[in-house]
Amino acid sequence: MIAFDCRLDRSDFQFAAAFEGDRGITALFGPSGSGKSTAIRLIAGLERPTAGRIVVDGTVLVDTAAGVVMPPHARRIGLVFQDALLFPHLSVRSNLTYGRWFTARAERRIGLEPVVEVLGIGHLLDRRPGTLSGGERQRVAIGRALLTSPRLLLMDEPLASLDAARKLEILPFIERLRDEFAIPIVYVSHAVEEVARLASKVIKLDRGRVVGAGAAIDVLTPTSLADTAARFDAVSFVTGTVLRQLRDFGVTVLGHPAGEITVPGLIEPTSAPVRVTVRATNVTLAVGRPGQISVRTMLAGRIVKMEVDDGPFALATIELVGGERLIAYATRLAMDDLGLDVGDEVTALVKAVGIDERGVPGLKLIGGHAARAD
């Protein structure tokens, strides 16, 4: 549990934000310059707030009113950055255990074996960092941070330097980390699919202020056209069940009351629902059901809300058959040409290539890549 309420005054930037996080992953989300890294630095003790209070798991790290500012080394906070920052001359085993020497023996709650098992790095222990892939290096960096038995784990854009395949490789390990170790995590990312998949709570920052807080489905779904500038971050969530795999084409077909959803990559059949993240900019609306078209995902629904202003865009909310809602950005010109308004029946089209595999749990890679098809 983390409670954060800090102000930092700079000549070129004013930061004032307050939020709380639980035992899961609290994601800090927002554009560059919104204050995400500032919050991370304040929590870690790399910067001192002008005024504020930070409490982690009942321990007061900062309380400027009471004159309390715990030094960074005493905060017991694990840090994972974009660059793994491993010691190149040490083995993976030595890199992992290095941080433990700075943790009092009585406070070492996490052992080497569970960390190695959860992160799947047992076969790497005798190797040097220079022989590892980017994803393997990041898993070792996460393990090193865990083995300090931290009160809190800070992950600042941990996947930003990895390619799509490596991101897909490491996301399940972060999920296991979230589920199997009782350590709160603050996770910074620009990738909306990562945030939607991992976070139990999302804190949206803009210009040093909190502009949204809550579950991903609430924070990442725009409520008005005032968010047009952030339209590429606007997402909806659609839940289906695995119907079949088309292995020859590298895709999985999900069943939904509104229609079938084609997802790039292979998802093993399971009774558990699969949640797909769909960007509002990747949804096309049609009147009726199109015939010869490459798009495989066609979901039936009805427009329940339509927002327009003097700008070029319209924001439509579609209630799908089955009750889930999907948002779609379109131009006002297109909406006018189609004569669409609230109450009209539509078909929402979603290209498979527009579904980011990082937002789909349980997806399997094919030949090192997630195969894509429409």
Protein backbone atom coordinates (compact mmCIF):
# COMPACT_ATOMS: atom_id res chain seq x y z
CA MET A 1 0.00 0.00 0.00
CA ILE A 2 1.33 3.44 -0.94
CA ALA A 3 -0.08 6.87 -0.10
CA PHE A 4 1.54 9.72 -2.06
CA ASP A 5 0.80 13.45 -1.75
CA CYS A 6 3.64 15.72 -2.88
CA ARG A 7 4.37 19.09 -4.39
CA LEU A 8 7.59 19.95 -6.20
CA ASP A 9 8.24 23.48 -7.39
CA ARG A 10 10.68 24.01 -10.22
CA SER A 11 11.25 27.04 -12.38
CA ASP A 12 10.01 25.21 -15.48
CA PHE A 13 7.60 22.65 -14.01
CA GLN A 14 5.08 22.58 -11.18
CA PHE A 15 4.23 19.13 -9.83
CA ALA A 16 1.39 18.59 -7.37
CA ALA A 17 -0.17 15.14 -7.23
CA ALA A 18 -1.85 12.85 -4.73
CA PHE A 19 -2.78 9.19 -5.18
CA GLU A 20 -2.99 5.86 -3.40
CA GLY A 21 -2.03 2.38 -4.58
CA ASP A 22 -2.89 -1.09 -3.35
CA ARG A 23 -1.05 -4.41 -3.18
CA GLY A 24 -1.29 -4.93 -6.90
CA ILE A 25 0.19 -2.79 -9.68
CA THR A 26 -0.52 0.92 -9.65
CA ALA A 27 0.27 2.32 -13.10
CA LEU A 28 1.33 5.92 -13.67
CA PHE A 29 0.16 6.79 -17.16
CA GLY A 30 0.31 9.95 -19.25
CA PRO A 31 2.22 11.78 -21.98
CA SER A 32 5.90 12.70 -21.80
CA GLY A 33 6.41 15.52 -19.35
CA SER A 34 3.29 14.67 -17.34
CA GLY A 35 5.23 13.96 -14.14
CA LYS A 36 5.43 10.16 -14.08
CA SER A 37 9.20 10.00 -13.61
CA THR A 38 9.07 12.88 -11.14
CA ALA A 39 6.74 10.82 -8.96
CA ILE A 40 9.09 7.84 -9.21
CA ARG A 41 12.10 9.97 -8.21
CA LEU A 42 10.26 11.42 -5.24
CA ILE A 43 9.21 7.98 -4.00
CA ALA A 44 12.73 6.59 -4.43
CA GLY A 45 14.27 9.57 -2.62
CA LEU A 46 16.23 10.75 -5.66
CA GLU A 47 14.48 14.11 -5.29
CA ARG A 48 13.07 15.89 -2.27
CA PRO A 49 9.58 17.41 -2.50
CA THR A 50 8.93 21.05 -1.71
CA ALA A 51 6.17 19.76 0.53
CA GLY A 52 4.44 16.44 0.98
CA ARG A 53 4.06 13.05 2.56
CA ILE A 54 4.84 9.52 1.29
CA VAL A 55 3.85 6.40 3.22
CA VAL A 56 4.60 2.84 2.08
CA ASP A 57 3.11 -0.14 3.89
CA GLY A 58 2.65 1.91 7.06
CA THR A 59 6.20 3.32 7.05
CA VAL A 60 6.54 7.08 6.64
CA LEU A 61 9.23 7.79 4.06
CA VAL A 62 8.59 11.51 3.78
CA ASP A 63 6.62 13.97 5.89
CA THR A 64 7.97 17.47 5.31
CA ALA A 65 5.61 18.99 7.88
CA ALA A 66 7.12 16.72 10.55
CA GLY A 67 10.66 17.08 9.24
CA VAL A 68 10.88 13.42 8.17
CA VAL A 69 12.85 12.63 5.00
CA MET A 70 14.19 9.08 4.99
CA PRO A 71 17.40 8.69 2.95
CA PRO A 72 17.14 6.61 -0.25
CA HIS A 73 19.20 3.67 1.03
CA ALA A 74 16.93 3.27 4.07
CA ARG A 75 13.66 3.23 2.12
CA ARG A 76 14.00 -0.38 0.93
CA ILE A 77 12.60 0.37 -2.51
CA GLY A 78 13.45 -1.79 -5.51
CA LEU A 79 14.09 -0.02 -8.81
CA VAL A 80 13.81 -1.39 -12.36
CA PHE A 81 14.54 0.95 -15.28
CA GLN A 82 14.51 0.71 -19.09
CA ASP A 83 18.14 -0.36 -19.03
CA ALA A 84 18.76 -3.41 -16.87
CA LEU A 85 22.02 -1.86 -15.56
CA LEU A 86 23.58 -5.22 -14.71
CA PHE A 87 27.22 -5.61 -13.74
CA PRO A 88 28.85 -7.00 -16.92
CA HIS A 89 31.75 -8.68 -15.07
CA LEU A 90 29.48 -10.65 -12.72
CA SER A 91 27.46 -13.78 -13.42
CA VAL A 92 23.67 -13.68 -13.36
CA ARG A 93 23.73 -15.36 -9.94
CA SER A 94 26.07 -12.70 -8.55
CA ASN A 95 24.00 -9.90 -10.08
CA LEU A 96 20.89 -11.33 -8.46
CA THR A 97 22.39 -11.61 -4.99
CA TYR A 98 24.30 -8.32 -5.08
CA GLY A 99 21.43 -6.23 -3.68
CA ARG A 100 20.82 -8.58 -0.77
CA TRP A 101 24.02 -7.40 0.91
CA PHE A 102 22.37 -4.01 1.48
CA THR A 103 19.35 -5.57 3.19
CA ALA A 104 19.56 -6.49 6.86
CA ARG A 105 19.48 -10.25 7.32
CA ALA A 106 16.33 -10.05 9.47
CA GLU A 107 14.52 -8.23 6.65
CA ARG A 108 15.39 -10.70 3.86
CA ARG A 109 11.92 -12.10 3.29
CA ILE A 110 12.39 -13.27 -0.30
CA GLY A 111 14.70 -16.14 -1.20
CA LEU A 112 16.69 -16.76 -4.36
CA GLU A 113 14.91 -19.97 -5.39
CA PRO A 114 11.35 -18.56 -5.57
CA VAL A 115 12.56 -15.57 -7.59
CA VAL A 116 14.50 -17.76 -10.01
CA GLU A 117 11.48 -20.02 -10.46
CA VAL A 118 8.93 -17.23 -11.00
CA LEU A 119 11.15 -15.39 -13.49
CA GLY A 120 12.26 -18.54 -15.31
CA ILE A 121 15.98 -17.73 -15.14
CA GLY A 122 17.42 -20.89 -13.57
CA HIS A 123 19.24 -21.81 -16.79
CA LEU A 124 20.93 -18.38 -16.90
CA LEU A 125 22.57 -18.34 -13.47
CA ASP A 126 26.14 -19.06 -14.65
CA ARG A 127 26.05 -16.76 -17.67
CA ARG A 128 27.26 -13.17 -18.01
CA PRO A 129 24.89 -10.28 -18.91
CA GLY A 130 26.56 -9.78 -22.29
CA THR A 131 25.30 -13.19 -23.46
CA LEU A 132 21.64 -12.51 -22.57
CA SER A 133 18.79 -11.19 -24.69
CA GLY A 134 17.11 -7.92 -23.73
CA GLY A 135 14.18 -9.74 -22.17
CA GLU A 136 16.47 -12.02 -20.17
CA ARG A 137 18.44 -9.03 -18.87
CA GLN A 138 15.25 -7.33 -17.72
CA ARG A 139 14.11 -10.48 -15.91
CA VAL A 140 17.45 -10.58 -14.08
CA ALA A 141 17.11 -6.89 -13.20
CA ILE A 142 13.64 -7.53 -11.78
CA GLY A 143 15.01 -10.48 -9.79
CA ARG A 144 17.83 -8.38 -8.37
CA ALA A 145 15.32 -5.75 -7.22
CA LEU A 146 13.07 -8.41 -5.66
CA LEU A 147 15.91 -9.99 -3.70
CA THR A 148 16.37 -6.79 -1.71
CA SER A 149 12.98 -7.70 -0.14
CA PRO A 150 11.66 -4.21 -0.91
CA ARG A 151 8.67 -2.49 0.67
CA LEU A 152 7.79 -1.26 -2.81
CA LEU A 153 8.94 -2.03 -6.36
CA LEU A 154 9.23 0.86 -8.83
CA MET A 155 9.25 -0.07 -12.52
CA ASP A 156 9.98 2.89 -14.80
CA GLU A 157 9.22 2.00 -18.44
CA PRO A 158 10.78 -1.47 -17.94
CA LEU A 159 9.79 -2.71 -21.42
CA ALA A 160 10.38 0.47 -23.42
CA SER A 161 13.73 -0.65 -24.85
CA LEU A 162 12.50 -4.11 -25.89
CA ASP A 163 11.08 -5.18 -29.23
CA ALA A 164 7.52 -6.51 -29.52
CA ALA A 165 8.54 -10.17 -29.19
CA ARG A 166 10.61 -9.55 -26.05
CA LYS A 167 7.79 -7.52 -24.50
CA LEU A 168 5.42 -10.42 -25.07
CA GLU A 169 7.98 -12.72 -23.49
CA ILE A 170 8.38 -10.72 -20.28
CA LEU A 171 4.79 -9.58 -19.61
CA PRO A 172 3.69 -12.98 -18.21
CA PHE A 173 6.61 -12.86 -15.77
CA ILE A 174 5.49 -9.43 -14.52
CA GLU A 175 1.99 -10.88 -14.07
CA ARG A 176 3.40 -13.74 -12.00
CA LEU A 177 5.44 -11.23 -10.03
CA ARG A 178 2.24 -9.27 -9.31
CA ASP A 179 0.30 -12.40 -8.31
CA GLU A 180 2.86 -14.35 -6.27
CA PHE A 181 4.79 -11.74 -4.23
CA ALA A 182 2.93 -9.52 -1.77
CA ILE A 183 4.82 -6.37 -2.82
CA PRO A 184 3.06 -3.26 -4.13
CA ILE A 185 4.34 -2.11 -7.53
CA VAL A 186 4.29 1.33 -9.12
CA TYR A 187 4.58 0.84 -12.87
CA VAL A 188 5.30 3.64 -15.35
CA SER A 189 4.52 3.08 -19.03
CA HIS A 190 3.49 4.92 -22.19
CA ALA A 191 2.00 1.69 -23.62
CA VAL A 192 -1.75 1.63 -23.04
CA GLU A 193 -1.96 -2.13 -23.67
CA GLU A 194 0.63 -2.84 -20.96
CA VAL A 195 -1.22 -0.67 -18.47
CA ALA A 196 -4.60 -2.19 -19.33
CA ARG A 197 -3.25 -5.72 -18.92
CA LEU A 198 -1.20 -5.32 -15.76
CA ALA A 199 -2.62 -2.57 -13.57
CA SER A 200 -5.21 -2.95 -10.84
CA LYS A 201 -5.30 0.84 -10.60
CA VAL A 202 -4.35 3.55 -13.09
CA ILE A 203 -3.27 7.07 -12.17
CA LYS A 204 -3.40 9.35 -15.20
CA LEU A 205 -1.11 12.36 -15.01
CA ASP A 206 -1.00 15.49 -17.15
CA ARG A 207 1.24 18.52 -16.61
CA GLY A 208 2.10 17.44 -13.10
CA ARG A 209 -1.49 16.88 -11.98
CA VAL A 210 -3.67 13.80 -11.50
CA VAL A 211 -6.46 13.95 -14.09
CA GLY A 212 -7.86 10.45 -13.59
CA ALA A 213 -7.66 7.60 -11.09
CA GLY A 214 -9.32 4.21 -10.90
CA ALA A 215 -9.65 0.95 -12.82
CA ALA A 216 -8.18 0.88 -16.33
CA ILE A 217 -11.62 0.53 -17.92
CA ASP A 218 -12.66 3.82 -16.29
CA VAL A 219 -9.48 5.85 -16.71
CA LEU A 220 -8.51 4.81 -20.24
CA THR A 221 -11.99 5.16 -21.72
CA PRO A 222 -12.67 8.81 -22.59
CA THR A 223 -15.90 10.35 -21.40
CA SER A 224 -15.90 13.36 -23.69
CA LEU A 225 -14.37 14.84 -26.82
CA ALA A 226 -12.29 17.07 -24.55
CA ASP A 227 -9.84 14.15 -24.59
CA THR A 228 -9.44 14.27 -28.38
CA ALA A 229 -5.74 15.10 -28.12
CA ALA A 230 -5.23 11.78 -26.29
CA ARG A 231 -7.37 9.75 -28.71
CA PHE A 232 -4.54 7.30 -29.44
CA ASP A 233 -4.54 6.30 -25.76
CA ALA A 234 -8.32 5.79 -25.63
CA VAL A 235 -9.26 2.11 -25.39
CA SER A 236 -12.20 -0.21 -24.78
CA PHE A 237 -12.22 -3.74 -23.40
CA VAL A 238 -14.06 -6.62 -25.04
CA THR A 239 -14.24 -10.04 -23.39
CA GLY A 240 -14.61 -13.32 -25.29
CA THR A 241 -13.96 -17.02 -24.94
CA VAL A 242 -11.65 -19.12 -27.10
CA LEU A 243 -13.60 -20.86 -29.87
CA ARG A 244 -10.78 -22.19 -32.03
CA GLN A 245 -7.20 -21.75 -33.14
CA LEU A 246 -6.33 -21.40 -36.81
CA ARG A 247 -2.74 -22.58 -36.53
CA ASP A 248 -2.02 -22.39 -40.25
CA PHE A 249 -2.79 -18.68 -40.10
CA GLY A 250 -1.44 -17.98 -36.62
CA VAL A 251 -4.66 -16.54 -35.18
CA THR A 252 -7.21 -17.35 -32.49
CA VAL A 253 -10.96 -16.80 -32.83
CA LEU A 254 -12.87 -15.67 -29.74
CA GLY A 255 -16.61 -15.95 -29.28
CA HIS A 256 -18.66 -12.93 -28.19
CA PRO A 257 -22.45 -12.36 -28.18
CA ALA A 258 -21.91 -9.58 -30.74
CA GLY A 259 -19.81 -11.69 -33.12
CA GLU A 260 -16.44 -13.40 -33.47
CA ILE A 261 -13.15 -11.68 -32.62
CA THR A 262 -9.98 -12.63 -34.50
CA VAL A 263 -6.84 -12.14 -32.42
CA PRO A 264 -3.25 -12.36 -33.77
CA GLY A 265 -1.32 -15.21 -32.15
CA LEU A 266 -2.39 -18.45 -30.51
CA ILE A 267 -4.26 -18.60 -27.21
CA GLU A 268 -4.64 -22.02 -25.64
CA PRO A 269 -8.28 -23.10 -25.19
CA THR A 270 -9.47 -22.29 -21.67
CA SER A 271 -12.71 -21.77 -19.84
CA ALA A 272 -11.42 -18.44 -18.55
CA PRO A 273 -12.54 -15.32 -20.45
CA VAL A 274 -10.00 -13.48 -22.59
CA ARG A 275 -10.02 -9.68 -22.43
CA VAL A 276 -9.00 -7.85 -25.59
CA THR A 277 -7.93 -4.21 -25.58
CA VAL A 278 -9.18 -2.22 -28.58
CA ARG A 279 -8.02 1.30 -29.41
CA ALA A 280 -10.84 3.67 -30.27
CA THR A 281 -8.91 4.80 -33.35
CA ASN A 282 -8.86 1.22 -34.64
CA VAL A 283 -12.65 0.84 -34.75
CA THR A 284 -14.53 1.43 -38.01
CA LEU A 285 -18.31 1.74 -38.11
CA ALA A 286 -20.52 0.34 -40.87
CA VAL A 287 -24.22 0.32 -41.58
CA GLY A 288 -25.23 -3.32 -41.97
CA ARG A 289 -22.69 -6.10 -42.36
CA PRO A 290 -20.04 -5.59 -45.06
CA GLY A 291 -19.51 -8.34 -47.62
CA GLN A 292 -16.12 -8.81 -49.27
CA ILE A 293 -13.73 -7.18 -46.84
CA SER A 294 -10.44 -8.20 -45.18
CA VAL A 295 -11.57 -7.37 -41.65
CA ARG A 296 -12.59 -10.52 -39.73
CA THR A 297 -13.95 -8.99 -36.52
CA MET A 298 -17.47 -7.60 -37.01
CA LEU A 299 -19.42 -6.84 -33.84
CA ALA A 300 -23.09 -5.91 -33.83
CA GLY A 301 -24.27 -3.07 -31.64
CA ARG A 302 -26.17 0.17 -31.26
CA ILE A 303 -24.95 3.73 -30.83
CA VAL A 304 -25.93 4.90 -27.34
CA LYS A 305 -23.91 8.11 -27.20
CA MET A 306 -22.50 10.47 -29.81
CA GLU A 307 -20.33 13.48 -29.12
CA VAL A 308 -19.36 16.13 -31.65
CA ASP A 309 -17.98 19.64 -31.45
CA ASP A 310 -16.60 22.18 -33.89
CA GLY A 311 -13.52 20.06 -34.57
CA PRO A 312 -13.04 17.27 -37.12
CA PHE A 313 -13.85 14.32 -34.85
CA ALA A 314 -16.84 12.50 -33.46
CA LEU A 315 -16.77 10.08 -30.53
CA ALA A 316 -19.32 7.28 -30.62
CA THR A 317 -20.13 4.84 -27.83
CA ILE A 318 -21.52 1.54 -29.10
CA GLU A 319 -23.38 -0.87 -26.85
CA LEU A 320 -22.54 -4.29 -28.21
CA VAL A 321 -24.94 -7.21 -28.21
CA GLY A 322 -24.25 -8.77 -24.82
CA GLY A 323 -23.88 -5.46 -23.00
CA GLU A 324 -20.22 -4.45 -23.30
CA ARG A 325 -19.42 -1.04 -24.68
CA LEU A 326 -16.98 -0.07 -27.42
CA ILE A 327 -15.85 3.45 -28.22
CA ALA A 328 -14.93 4.62 -31.71
CA TYR A 329 -13.37 7.77 -33.08
CA ALA A 330 -14.43 8.86 -36.56
CA THR A 331 -14.58 12.11 -38.48
CA ARG A 332 -17.73 14.17 -38.31
CA LEU A 333 -17.73 13.99 -42.11
CA ALA A 334 -17.99 10.19 -42.06
CA MET A 335 -20.75 10.21 -39.46
CA ASP A 336 -22.70 12.77 -41.47
CA ASP A 337 -22.27 10.85 -44.73
CA LEU A 338 -23.57 7.68 -43.08
CA GLY A 339 -26.34 9.56 -41.30
CA LEU A 340 -25.43 7.95 -37.98
CA ASP A 341 -26.85 9.11 -34.67
CA VAL A 342 -27.83 7.80 -31.26
CA GLY A 343 -30.09 4.76 -31.50
CA ASP A 344 -28.79 3.54 -34.87
CA GLU A 345 -27.76 -0.09 -35.32
CA VAL A 346 -24.16 -0.45 -36.55
CA THR A 347 -21.43 -3.02 -37.11
CA ALA A 348 -18.12 -2.24 -35.39
CA LEU A 349 -15.15 -3.46 -37.43
CA VAL A 350 -11.80 -4.16 -35.77
CA LYS A 351 -8.75 -5.24 -37.77
CA ALA A 352 -6.72 -8.00 -36.16
CA VAL A 353 -3.53 -6.06 -36.91
CA GLY A 354 -4.99 -3.27 -34.77
CA ILE A 355 -5.11 -5.51 -31.68
CA ASP A 356 -1.83 -5.28 -29.78
CA GLU A 357 -0.80 -8.75 -28.62
CA ARG A 358 0.72 -7.28 -25.45
CA GLY A 359 -2.80 -6.75 -24.15
CA VAL A 360 -3.81 -10.40 -24.56
CA PRO A 361 -2.87 -12.74 -21.66
CA GLY A 362 -1.91 -16.30 -22.52
CA LEU A 363 -0.96 -15.58 -26.12
CA LYS A 364 1.72 -17.81 -27.64
CA LEU A 365 4.39 -16.71 -30.07
CA ILE A 366 4.91 -18.40 -33.43
CA GLY A 367 8.49 -18.59 -34.63
CA GLY A 368 9.48 -15.80 -32.24
CA HIS A 369 6.69 -13.53 -33.45
CA ALA A 370 2.95 -13.38 -32.97
CA ALA A 371 1.52 -14.09 -36.40
CA ARG A 372 -0.93 -11.49 -37.61
CA ALA A 373 -3.76 -11.70 -40.08
CA ASP A 374 -7.06 -10.05 -40.87
